[in-house]
Amino acid sequence: MPDLGALTPTALVELLERLTPEDVAALDIDVDAIGRAVDPRRLGRDDLTALLRTLGRFPEFALPRP
């Protein structure tokens, strides 16, 4: 797994889009680590939307429904 902080927002989204839920579980990817690695100043609105949409694909990252 590359250094997440070194990736551009677009590259991070592209990497996450290639992962399956099984990959996320096997690699033990932590959404908090992703959040710490992302520089919000580098995120445009489209990047943020794409990142959140991509993270929402993984049950480990899904927010509980009320």
N, C-alpha and C. Protein backbone atom coordinates (compact mmCIF):
# COMPACT_ATOMS: atom_id res chain seq x y z
N MET A 1 0.85 -1.17 0.00
CA MET A 1 0.00 0.00 0.00
C MET A 1 0.90 1.23 0.00
N PRO A 2 0.67 2.14 -0.94
CA PRO A 2 1.50 3.35 -0.99
C PRO A 2 1.22 4.28 0.19
N ASP A 3 2.11 5.24 0.39
CA ASP A 3 1.91 6.26 1.41
C ASP A 3 0.71 7.10 0.99
N LEU A 4 -0.38 7.01 1.72
CA LEU A 4 -1.61 7.69 1.34
C LEU A 4 -1.45 9.20 1.30
N GLY A 5 -0.63 9.74 2.17
CA GLY A 5 -0.43 11.18 2.22
C GLY A 5 0.32 11.72 1.00
N ALA A 6 1.05 10.85 0.32
CA ALA A 6 1.82 11.28 -0.85
C ALA A 6 0.97 11.28 -2.12
N LEU A 7 -0.19 10.67 -2.07
CA LEU A 7 -1.05 10.59 -3.25
C LEU A 7 -1.85 11.88 -3.43
N THR A 8 -2.11 12.21 -4.67
CA THR A 8 -3.04 13.31 -4.93
C THR A 8 -4.44 12.81 -4.57
N PRO A 9 -5.37 13.72 -4.31
CA PRO A 9 -6.73 13.27 -4.02
C PRO A 9 -7.31 12.38 -5.12
N THR A 10 -7.03 12.73 -6.37
CA THR A 10 -7.54 11.92 -7.49
C THR A 10 -6.92 10.53 -7.48
N ALA A 11 -5.61 10.45 -7.23
CA ALA A 11 -4.93 9.15 -7.18
C ALA A 11 -5.44 8.31 -6.01
N LEU A 12 -5.72 8.94 -4.87
CA LEU A 12 -6.25 8.21 -3.72
C LEU A 12 -7.62 7.63 -4.05
N VAL A 13 -8.48 8.42 -4.67
CA VAL A 13 -9.81 7.93 -5.04
C VAL A 13 -9.67 6.78 -6.04
N GLU A 14 -8.78 6.93 -7.02
CA GLU A 14 -8.59 5.87 -8.01
C GLU A 14 -8.10 4.59 -7.34
N LEU A 15 -7.19 4.71 -6.39
CA LEU A 15 -6.70 3.53 -5.67
C LEU A 15 -7.85 2.86 -4.90
N LEU A 16 -8.62 3.65 -4.17
CA LEU A 16 -9.71 3.09 -3.38
C LEU A 16 -10.80 2.49 -4.26
N GLU A 17 -11.02 3.06 -5.43
CA GLU A 17 -12.03 2.52 -6.34
C GLU A 17 -11.65 1.14 -6.85
N ARG A 18 -10.35 0.86 -6.93
CA ARG A 18 -9.89 -0.45 -7.42
C ARG A 18 -10.01 -1.53 -6.34
N LEU A 19 -10.13 -1.14 -5.09
CA LEU A 19 -10.20 -2.11 -4.01
C LEU A 19 -11.60 -2.70 -3.88
N THR A 20 -11.63 -3.93 -3.45
CA THR A 20 -12.90 -4.59 -3.14
C THR A 20 -13.05 -4.59 -1.62
N PRO A 21 -14.26 -4.85 -1.11
CA PRO A 21 -14.40 -4.96 0.34
C PRO A 21 -13.47 -6.02 0.94
N GLU A 22 -13.20 -7.08 0.20
CA GLU A 22 -12.29 -8.12 0.70
C GLU A 22 -10.87 -7.58 0.81
N ASP A 23 -10.47 -6.74 -0.15
CA ASP A 23 -9.14 -6.12 -0.08
C ASP A 23 -9.02 -5.23 1.15
N VAL A 24 -10.05 -4.46 1.41
CA VAL A 24 -10.04 -3.55 2.56
C VAL A 24 -9.88 -4.34 3.85
N ALA A 25 -10.62 -5.44 3.97
CA ALA A 25 -10.52 -6.27 5.18
C ALA A 25 -9.14 -6.92 5.27
N ALA A 26 -8.63 -7.43 4.15
CA ALA A 26 -7.34 -8.12 4.16
C ALA A 26 -6.19 -7.16 4.44
N LEU A 27 -6.28 -5.95 3.91
CA LEU A 27 -5.22 -4.97 4.10
C LEU A 27 -5.36 -4.21 5.41
N ASP A 28 -6.47 -4.45 6.10
CA ASP A 28 -6.74 -3.78 7.38
C ASP A 28 -6.63 -2.27 7.23
N ILE A 29 -7.32 -1.73 6.22
CA ILE A 29 -7.30 -0.30 5.95
C ILE A 29 -8.20 0.40 6.96
N ASP A 30 -7.70 1.44 7.53
CA ASP A 30 -8.40 2.19 8.57
C ASP A 30 -8.86 3.53 7.99
N VAL A 31 -10.16 3.80 8.06
CA VAL A 31 -10.68 5.04 7.52
C VAL A 31 -10.09 6.25 8.25
N ASP A 32 -9.76 6.10 9.51
CA ASP A 32 -9.13 7.20 10.24
C ASP A 32 -7.74 7.51 9.67
N ALA A 33 -7.02 6.48 9.27
CA ALA A 33 -5.70 6.69 8.65
C ALA A 33 -5.86 7.43 7.33
N ILE A 34 -6.88 7.09 6.58
CA ILE A 34 -7.14 7.80 5.33
C ILE A 34 -7.46 9.25 5.63
N GLY A 35 -8.30 9.49 6.63
CA GLY A 35 -8.67 10.86 6.99
C GLY A 35 -7.47 11.68 7.42
N ARG A 36 -6.56 11.07 8.16
CA ARG A 36 -5.35 11.79 8.60
C ARG A 36 -4.40 12.04 7.43
N ALA A 37 -4.41 11.16 6.44
CA ALA A 37 -3.49 11.29 5.31
C ALA A 37 -3.94 12.33 4.29
N VAL A 38 -5.23 12.62 4.26
CA VAL A 38 -5.77 13.53 3.25
C VAL A 38 -5.62 14.98 3.74
N ASP A 39 -5.01 15.79 2.91
CA ASP A 39 -4.88 17.22 3.21
C ASP A 39 -6.12 17.92 2.66
N PRO A 40 -6.98 18.43 3.53
CA PRO A 40 -8.24 19.03 3.04
C PRO A 40 -8.02 20.22 2.11
N ARG A 41 -6.86 20.85 2.19
CA ARG A 41 -6.58 21.97 1.30
C ARG A 41 -6.38 21.51 -0.14
N ARG A 42 -6.08 20.23 -0.31
CA ARG A 42 -5.87 19.69 -1.65
C ARG A 42 -7.14 19.11 -2.25
N LEU A 43 -8.20 19.04 -1.47
CA LEU A 43 -9.45 18.46 -1.95
C LEU A 43 -10.36 19.52 -2.54
N GLY A 44 -10.75 19.31 -3.75
CA GLY A 44 -11.81 20.13 -4.33
C GLY A 44 -13.15 19.49 -4.00
N ARG A 45 -14.21 20.16 -4.34
CA ARG A 45 -15.55 19.62 -4.05
C ARG A 45 -15.75 18.27 -4.73
N ASP A 46 -15.32 18.15 -5.98
CA ASP A 46 -15.49 16.89 -6.70
C ASP A 46 -14.64 15.78 -6.07
N ASP A 47 -13.42 16.14 -5.63
CA ASP A 47 -12.57 15.14 -4.97
C ASP A 47 -13.19 14.65 -3.68
N LEU A 48 -13.72 15.57 -2.88
CA LEU A 48 -14.35 15.18 -1.62
C LEU A 48 -15.55 14.29 -1.86
N THR A 49 -16.37 14.66 -2.82
CA THR A 49 -17.56 13.86 -3.15
C THR A 49 -17.14 12.46 -3.60
N ALA A 50 -16.15 12.37 -4.47
CA ALA A 50 -15.68 11.08 -4.96
C ALA A 50 -15.08 10.24 -3.83
N LEU A 51 -14.33 10.88 -2.94
CA LEU A 51 -13.73 10.16 -1.81
C LEU A 51 -14.80 9.59 -0.90
N LEU A 52 -15.78 10.40 -0.55
CA LEU A 52 -16.85 9.93 0.34
C LEU A 52 -17.68 8.83 -0.33
N ARG A 53 -17.96 8.98 -1.62
CA ARG A 53 -18.72 7.96 -2.34
C ARG A 53 -17.94 6.64 -2.35
N THR A 54 -16.64 6.73 -2.59
CA THR A 54 -15.81 5.54 -2.64
C THR A 54 -15.73 4.87 -1.28
N LEU A 55 -15.54 5.65 -0.23
CA LEU A 55 -15.47 5.06 1.12
C LEU A 55 -16.81 4.42 1.51
N GLY A 56 -17.90 4.99 1.02
CA GLY A 56 -19.23 4.44 1.31
C GLY A 56 -19.47 3.07 0.72
N ARG A 57 -18.63 2.65 -0.23
CA ARG A 57 -18.76 1.31 -0.82
C ARG A 57 -18.37 0.21 0.15
N PHE A 58 -17.58 0.56 1.15
CA PHE A 58 -17.05 -0.46 2.05
C PHE A 58 -17.84 -0.51 3.34
N PRO A 59 -18.37 -1.68 3.68
CA PRO A 59 -19.18 -1.78 4.90
C PRO A 59 -18.41 -1.36 6.15
N GLU A 60 -17.09 -1.56 6.16
CA GLU A 60 -16.30 -1.20 7.33
C GLU A 60 -16.32 0.29 7.58
N PHE A 61 -16.56 1.07 6.53
CA PHE A 61 -16.53 2.53 6.63
C PHE A 61 -17.91 3.14 6.69
N ALA A 62 -18.94 2.33 6.48
CA ALA A 62 -20.29 2.87 6.38
C ALA A 62 -20.76 3.42 7.73
N LEU A 63 -21.44 4.51 7.66
CA LEU A 63 -22.03 5.10 8.87
C LEU A 63 -23.29 4.33 9.23
N PRO A 64 -23.55 4.14 10.51
CA PRO A 64 -24.78 3.44 10.90
C PRO A 64 -26.00 4.25 10.48
N ARG A 65 -27.00 3.56 10.06
CA ARG A 65 -28.26 4.22 9.67
C ARG A 65 -29.10 4.43 10.92
N PRO A 66 -29.74 5.62 11.01
CA PRO A 66 -30.59 5.85 12.20
C PRO A 66 -31.82 4.99 12.20
